[in-house]
Amino acid sequence: MKKQKMQLVEILAGVLPELEAAEIEKMIETPPDSAMGDFAFPCFKLAKVMRKAPQMIAADVAEKL
């Protein structure tokens, strides 16, 4: 699981250059229900920094992926 998380960190670091890989790693969470996926990346914490709505941030990240 750690290897998968680090792969996700690398991918997100390429999509979110304003964040350091260490910051991204700290933000990644494990959803409470496995049906929701293996990892979650909350965009609410980025809203203030990026000055965008969390939904817009999520849409931008999804588009870049």
PDB file of N, CA and C in Angstrom:
ATOM      1  N   MET A   1       0.831  -1.198   0.000  1.00  0.00           N
ATOM      2  CA  MET A   1       0.000   0.000   0.000  1.00  0.00           C
ATOM      3  C   MET A   1       0.871   1.257   0.000  1.00  0.00           C
ATOM      4  N   LYS A   2       1.997   1.207   0.682  1.00  0.00           N
ATOM      5  CA  LYS A   2       2.893   2.363   0.746  1.00  0.00           C
ATOM      6  C   LYS A   2       3.428   2.704  -0.648  1.00  0.00           C
ATOM      7  N   LYS A   3       3.748   1.670  -1.436  1.00  0.00           N
ATOM      8  CA  LYS A   3       4.261   1.896  -2.784  1.00  0.00           C
ATOM      9  C   LYS A   3       3.199   2.579  -3.649  1.00  0.00           C
ATOM     10  N   GLN A   4       1.953   2.139  -3.512  1.00  0.00           N
ATOM     11  CA  GLN A   4       0.856   2.742  -4.273  1.00  0.00           C
ATOM     12  C   GLN A   4       0.654   4.192  -3.866  1.00  0.00           C
ATOM     13  N   LYS A   5       0.770   4.456  -2.579  1.00  0.00           N
ATOM     14  CA  LYS A   5       0.594   5.830  -2.095  1.00  0.00           C
ATOM     15  C   LYS A   5       1.695   6.723  -2.657  1.00  0.00           C
ATOM     16  N   MET A   6       2.915   6.225  -2.693  1.00  0.00           N
ATOM     17  CA  MET A   6       4.021   7.024  -3.214  1.00  0.00           C
ATOM     18  C   MET A   6       3.862   7.262  -4.721  1.00  0.00           C
ATOM     19  N   GLN A   7       3.316   6.297  -5.437  1.00  0.00           N
ATOM     20  CA  GLN A   7       3.039   6.491  -6.860  1.00  0.00           C
ATOM     21  C   GLN A   7       1.996   7.589  -7.045  1.00  0.00           C
ATOM     22  N   LEU A   8       0.986   7.585  -6.200  1.00  0.00           N
ATOM     23  CA  LEU A   8      -0.046   8.618  -6.256  1.00  0.00           C
ATOM     24  C   LEU A   8       0.552   9.990  -5.943  1.00  0.00           C
ATOM     25  N   VAL A   9       1.427  10.041  -4.963  1.00  0.00           N
ATOM     26  CA  VAL A   9       2.095  11.304  -4.613  1.00  0.00           C
ATOM     27  C   VAL A   9       2.863  11.845  -5.820  1.00  0.00           C
ATOM     28  N   GLU A  10       3.604  10.977  -6.498  1.00  0.00           N
ATOM     29  CA  GLU A  10       4.373  11.397  -7.676  1.00  0.00           C
ATOM     30  C   GLU A  10       3.464  11.938  -8.772  1.00  0.00           C
ATOM     31  N   ILE A  11       2.360  11.265  -8.998  1.00  0.00           N
ATOM     32  CA  ILE A  11       1.420  11.696 -10.038  1.00  0.00           C
ATOM     33  C   ILE A  11       0.822  13.055  -9.683  1.00  0.00           C
ATOM     34  N   LEU A  12       0.367  13.191  -8.429  1.00  0.00           N
ATOM     35  CA  LEU A  12      -0.239  14.457  -8.013  1.00  0.00           C
ATOM     36  C   LEU A  12       0.778  15.595  -7.989  1.00  0.00           C
ATOM     37  N   ALA A  13       2.027  15.294  -7.653  1.00  0.00           N
ATOM     38  CA  ALA A  13       3.069  16.327  -7.656  1.00  0.00           C
ATOM     39  C   ALA A  13       3.273  16.869  -9.069  1.00  0.00           C
ATOM     40  N   GLY A  14       3.116  16.016 -10.067  1.00  0.00           N
ATOM     41  CA  GLY A  14       3.231  16.468 -11.445  1.00  0.00           C
ATOM     42  C   GLY A  14       2.068  17.339 -11.879  1.00  0.00           C
ATOM     43  N   VAL A  15       0.920  17.127 -11.260  1.00  0.00           N
ATOM     44  CA  VAL A  15      -0.295  17.866 -11.613  1.00  0.00           C
ATOM     45  C   VAL A  15      -0.441  19.132 -10.766  1.00  0.00           C
ATOM     46  N   LEU A  16       0.115  19.106  -9.560  1.00  0.00           N
ATOM     47  CA  LEU A  16      -0.002  20.237  -8.637  1.00  0.00           C
ATOM     48  C   LEU A  16       1.388  20.789  -8.290  1.00  0.00           C
ATOM     49  N   PRO A  17       2.004  21.524  -9.206  1.00  0.00           N
ATOM     50  CA  PRO A  17       3.366  22.010  -8.964  1.00  0.00           C
ATOM     51  C   PRO A  17       3.486  22.987  -7.797  1.00  0.00           C
ATOM     52  N   GLU A  18       2.358  23.537  -7.354  1.00  0.00           N
ATOM     53  CA  GLU A  18       2.425  24.477  -6.236  1.00  0.00           C
ATOM     54  C   GLU A  18       2.621  23.783  -4.893  1.00  0.00           C
ATOM     55  N   LEU A  19       2.546  22.456  -4.871  1.00  0.00           N
ATOM     56  CA  LEU A  19       2.712  21.700  -3.630  1.00  0.00           C
ATOM     57  C   LEU A  19       3.949  20.816  -3.686  1.00  0.00           C
ATOM     58  N   GLU A  20       4.607  20.688  -2.547  1.00  0.00           N
ATOM     59  CA  GLU A  20       5.739  19.774  -2.409  1.00  0.00           C
ATOM     60  C   GLU A  20       5.197  18.356  -2.256  1.00  0.00           C
ATOM     61  N   ALA A  21       5.977  17.376  -2.662  1.00  0.00           N
ATOM     62  CA  ALA A  21       5.560  15.978  -2.547  1.00  0.00           C
ATOM     63  C   ALA A  21       5.256  15.605  -1.093  1.00  0.00           C
ATOM     64  N   ALA A  22       6.038  16.125  -0.156  1.00  0.00           N
ATOM     65  CA  ALA A  22       5.813  15.821   1.265  1.00  0.00           C
ATOM     66  C   ALA A  22       4.462  16.349   1.731  1.00  0.00           C
ATOM     67  N   GLU A  23       4.069  17.529   1.233  1.00  0.00           N
ATOM     68  CA  GLU A  23       2.765  18.093   1.593  1.00  0.00           C
ATOM     69  C   GLU A  23       1.638  17.225   1.040  1.00  0.00           C
ATOM     70  N   ILE A  24       1.804  16.790  -0.194  1.00  0.00           N
ATOM     71  CA  ILE A  24       0.788  15.950  -0.828  1.00  0.00           C
ATOM     72  C   ILE A  24       0.647  14.639  -0.058  1.00  0.00           C
ATOM     73  N   GLU A  25       1.773  14.056   0.321  1.00  0.00           N
ATOM     74  CA  GLU A  25       1.734  12.787   1.061  1.00  0.00           C
ATOM     75  C   GLU A  25       0.959  12.930   2.372  1.00  0.00           C
ATOM     76  N   LYS A  26       1.151  14.035   3.065  1.00  0.00           N
ATOM     77  CA  LYS A  26       0.439  14.274   4.328  1.00  0.00           C
ATOM     78  C   LYS A  26      -1.069  14.432   4.120  1.00  0.00           C
ATOM     79  N   MET A  27      -1.454  14.934   2.951  1.00  0.00           N
ATOM     80  CA  MET A  27      -2.866  15.212   2.688  1.00  0.00           C
ATOM     81  C   MET A  27      -3.654  13.975   2.270  1.00  0.00           C
ATOM     82  N   ILE A  28      -2.988  12.989   1.702  1.00  0.00           N
ATOM     83  CA  ILE A  28      -3.684  11.804   1.213  1.00  0.00           C
ATOM     84  C   ILE A  28      -4.253  11.019   2.391  1.00  0.00           C
ATOM     85  N   GLU A  29      -5.520  10.655   2.259  1.00  0.00           N
ATOM     86  CA  GLU A  29      -6.230   9.947   3.328  1.00  0.00           C
ATOM     87  C   GLU A  29      -6.719   8.588   2.825  1.00  0.00           C
ATOM     88  N   THR A  30      -7.094   7.754   3.761  1.00  0.00           N
ATOM     89  CA  THR A  30      -7.723   6.474   3.438  1.00  0.00           C
ATOM     90  C   THR A  30      -9.211   6.621   3.735  1.00  0.00           C
ATOM     91  N   PRO A  31     -10.074   6.403   2.736  1.00  0.00           N
ATOM     92  CA  PRO A  31     -11.519   6.534   2.965  1.00  0.00           C
ATOM     93  C   PRO A  31     -12.017   5.539   4.018  1.00  0.00           C
ATOM     94  N   PRO A  32     -13.074   5.892   4.728  1.00  0.00           N
ATOM     95  CA  PRO A  32     -13.596   5.014   5.776  1.00  0.00           C
ATOM     96  C   PRO A  32     -14.199   3.716   5.237  1.00  0.00           C
ATOM     97  N   ASP A  33     -14.626   3.729   3.975  1.00  0.00           N
ATOM     98  CA  ASP A  33     -15.229   2.553   3.362  1.00  0.00           C
ATOM     99  C   ASP A  33     -14.425   2.209   2.114  1.00  0.00           C
ATOM    100  N   SER A  34     -13.990   0.968   2.000  1.00  0.00           N
ATOM    101  CA  SER A  34     -13.166   0.564   0.859  1.00  0.00           C
ATOM    102  C   SER A  34     -13.913   0.682  -0.467  1.00  0.00           C
ATOM    103  N   ALA A  35     -15.229   0.730  -0.427  1.00  0.00           N
ATOM    104  CA  ALA A  35     -16.012   0.912  -1.651  1.00  0.00           C
ATOM    105  C   ALA A  35     -15.798   2.311  -2.240  1.00  0.00           C
ATOM    106  N   MET A  36     -15.258   3.219  -1.441  1.00  0.00           N
ATOM    107  CA  MET A  36     -15.013   4.591  -1.891  1.00  0.00           C
ATOM    108  C   MET A  36     -13.629   4.741  -2.535  1.00  0.00           C
ATOM    109  N   GLY A  37     -12.861   3.676  -2.553  1.00  0.00           N
ATOM    110  CA  GLY A  37     -11.532   3.710  -3.159  1.00  0.00           C
ATOM    111  C   GLY A  37     -10.447   3.443  -2.135  1.00  0.00           C
ATOM    112  N   ASP A  38      -9.215   3.401  -2.617  1.00  0.00           N
ATOM    113  CA  ASP A  38      -8.078   3.131  -1.749  1.00  0.00           C
ATOM    114  C   ASP A  38      -7.549   4.392  -1.072  1.00  0.00           C
ATOM    115  N   PHE A  39      -7.603   5.507  -1.802  1.00  0.00           N
ATOM    116  CA  PHE A  39      -7.079   6.769  -1.284  1.00  0.00           C
ATOM    117  C   PHE A  39      -8.037   7.913  -1.594  1.00  0.00           C
ATOM    118  N   ALA A  40      -7.913   8.971  -0.808  1.00  0.00           N
ATOM    119  CA  ALA A  40      -8.692  10.190  -1.031  1.00  0.00           C
ATOM    120  C   ALA A  40      -7.736  11.377  -0.941  1.00  0.00           C
ATOM    121  N   PHE A  41      -8.002  12.374  -1.766  1.00  0.00           N
ATOM    122  CA  PHE A  41      -7.201  13.593  -1.737  1.00  0.00           C
ATOM    123  C   PHE A  41      -8.153  14.765  -1.541  1.00  0.00           C
ATOM    124  N   PRO A  42      -8.249  15.266  -0.305  1.00  0.00           N
ATOM    125  CA  PRO A  42      -9.198  16.341  -0.018  1.00  0.00           C
ATOM    126  C   PRO A  42      -8.749  17.677  -0.606  1.00  0.00           C
ATOM    127  N   CYS A  43      -9.586  18.242  -1.409  1.00  0.00           N
ATOM    128  CA  CYS A  43      -9.271  19.520  -2.058  1.00  0.00           C
ATOM    129  C   CYS A  43      -9.689  20.722  -1.211  1.00  0.00           C
ATOM    130  N   PHE A  44     -10.410  20.479  -0.121  1.00  0.00           N
ATOM    131  CA  PHE A  44     -10.851  21.586   0.728  1.00  0.00           C
ATOM    132  C   PHE A  44      -9.662  22.346   1.298  1.00  0.00           C
ATOM    133  N   LYS A  45      -8.597  21.627   1.631  1.00  0.00           N
ATOM    134  CA  LYS A  45      -7.421  22.262   2.215  1.00  0.00           C
ATOM    135  C   LYS A  45      -6.694  23.149   1.207  1.00  0.00           C
ATOM    136  N   LEU A  46      -6.896  22.894  -0.065  1.00  0.00           N
ATOM    137  CA  LEU A  46      -6.233  23.667  -1.112  1.00  0.00           C
ATOM    138  C   LEU A  46      -7.010  24.910  -1.511  1.00  0.00           C
ATOM    139  N   ALA A  47      -8.271  24.963  -1.177  1.00  0.00           N
ATOM    140  CA  ALA A  47      -9.144  26.052  -1.618  1.00  0.00           C
ATOM    141  C   ALA A  47      -8.594  27.426  -1.233  1.00  0.00           C
ATOM    142  N   LYS A  48      -8.128  27.562  -0.027  1.00  0.00           N
ATOM    143  CA  LYS A  48      -7.624  28.848   0.435  1.00  0.00           C
ATOM    144  C   LYS A  48      -6.314  29.212  -0.277  1.00  0.00           C
ATOM    145  N   VAL A  49      -5.442  28.245  -0.420  1.00  0.00           N
ATOM    146  CA  VAL A  49      -4.144  28.469  -1.048  1.00  0.00           C
ATOM    147  C   VAL A  49      -4.293  28.804  -2.534  1.00  0.00           C
ATOM    148  N   MET A  50      -5.138  28.050  -3.223  1.00  0.00           N
ATOM    149  CA  MET A  50      -5.290  28.213  -4.664  1.00  0.00           C
ATOM    150  C   MET A  50      -6.369  29.231  -5.039  1.00  0.00           C
ATOM    151  N   ARG A  51      -7.114  29.683  -4.044  1.00  0.00           N
ATOM    152  CA  ARG A  51      -8.190  30.658  -4.242  1.00  0.00           C
ATOM    153  C   ARG A  51      -9.206  30.194  -5.276  1.00  0.00           C
ATOM    154  N   LYS A  52      -9.604  28.928  -5.120  1.00  0.00           N
ATOM    155  CA  LYS A  52     -10.622  28.320  -5.971  1.00  0.00           C
ATOM    156  C   LYS A  52     -11.524  27.466  -5.098  1.00  0.00           C
ATOM    157  N   ALA A  53     -12.703  27.192  -5.607  1.00  0.00           N
ATOM    158  CA  ALA A  53     -13.619  26.284  -4.916  1.00  0.00           C
ATOM    159  C   ALA A  53     -13.049  24.861  -4.993  1.00  0.00           C
ATOM    160  N   PRO A  54     -13.227  24.066  -3.943  1.00  0.00           N
ATOM    161  CA  PRO A  54     -12.720  22.695  -3.948  1.00  0.00           C
ATOM    162  C   PRO A  54     -13.187  21.888  -5.157  1.00  0.00           C
ATOM    163  N   GLN A  55     -14.421  22.101  -5.587  1.00  0.00           N
ATOM    164  CA  GLN A  55     -14.938  21.381  -6.749  1.00  0.00           C
ATOM    165  C   GLN A  55     -14.159  21.741  -8.011  1.00  0.00           C
ATOM    166  N   MET A  56     -13.786  23.013  -8.145  1.00  0.00           N
ATOM    167  CA  MET A  56     -13.013  23.453  -9.304  1.00  0.00           C
ATOM    168  C   MET A  56     -11.609  22.853  -9.279  1.00  0.00           C
ATOM    169  N   ILE A  57     -11.019  22.788  -8.106  1.00  0.00           N
ATOM    170  CA  ILE A  57      -9.691  22.194  -7.961  1.00  0.00           C
ATOM    171  C   ILE A  57      -9.744  20.719  -8.342  1.00  0.00           C
ATOM    172  N   ALA A  58     -10.742  20.010  -7.818  1.00  0.00           N
ATOM    173  CA  ALA A  58     -10.898  18.590  -8.131  1.00  0.00           C
ATOM    174  C   ALA A  58     -11.100  18.378  -9.628  1.00  0.00           C
ATOM    175  N   ALA A  59     -11.890  19.229 -10.246  1.00  0.00           N
ATOM    176  CA  ALA A  59     -12.140  19.110 -11.691  1.00  0.00           C
ATOM    177  C   ALA A  59     -10.852  19.371 -12.482  1.00  0.00           C
ATOM    178  N   ASP A  60     -10.070  20.357 -12.059  1.00  0.00           N
ATOM    179  CA  ASP A  60      -8.803  20.654 -12.730  1.00  0.00           C
ATOM    180  C   ASP A  60      -7.830  19.489 -12.621  1.00  0.00           C
ATOM    181  N   VAL A  61      -7.723  18.926 -11.420  1.00  0.00           N
ATOM    182  CA  VAL A  61      -6.827  17.783 -11.203  1.00  0.00           C
ATOM    183  C   VAL A  61      -7.289  16.593 -12.044  1.00  0.00           C
ATOM    184  N   ALA A  62      -8.587  16.315 -12.040  1.00  0.00           N
ATOM    185  CA  ALA A  62      -9.120  15.191 -12.825  1.00  0.00           C
ATOM    186  C   ALA A  62      -8.854  15.395 -14.314  1.00  0.00           C
ATOM    187  N   GLU A  63      -8.998  16.611 -14.782  1.00  0.00           N
ATOM    188  CA  GLU A  63      -8.761  16.903 -16.204  1.00  0.00           C
ATOM    189  C   GLU A  63      -7.297  16.681 -16.577  1.00  0.00           C
ATOM    190  N   LYS A  64      -6.397  17.093 -15.691  1.00  0.00           N
ATOM    191  CA  LYS A  64      -4.957  16.953 -15.959  1.00  0.00           C
ATOM    192  C   LYS A  64      -4.501  15.498 -15.882  1.00  0.00           C
ATOM    193  N   LEU A  65      -5.222  14.708 -15.087  1.00  0.00           N
ATOM    194  CA  LEU A  65      -4.852  13.289 -14.973  1.00  0.00           C
ATOM    195  C   LEU A  65      -5.263  12.564 -16.220  1.00  0.00           C
TER     196      LEU A  65
END
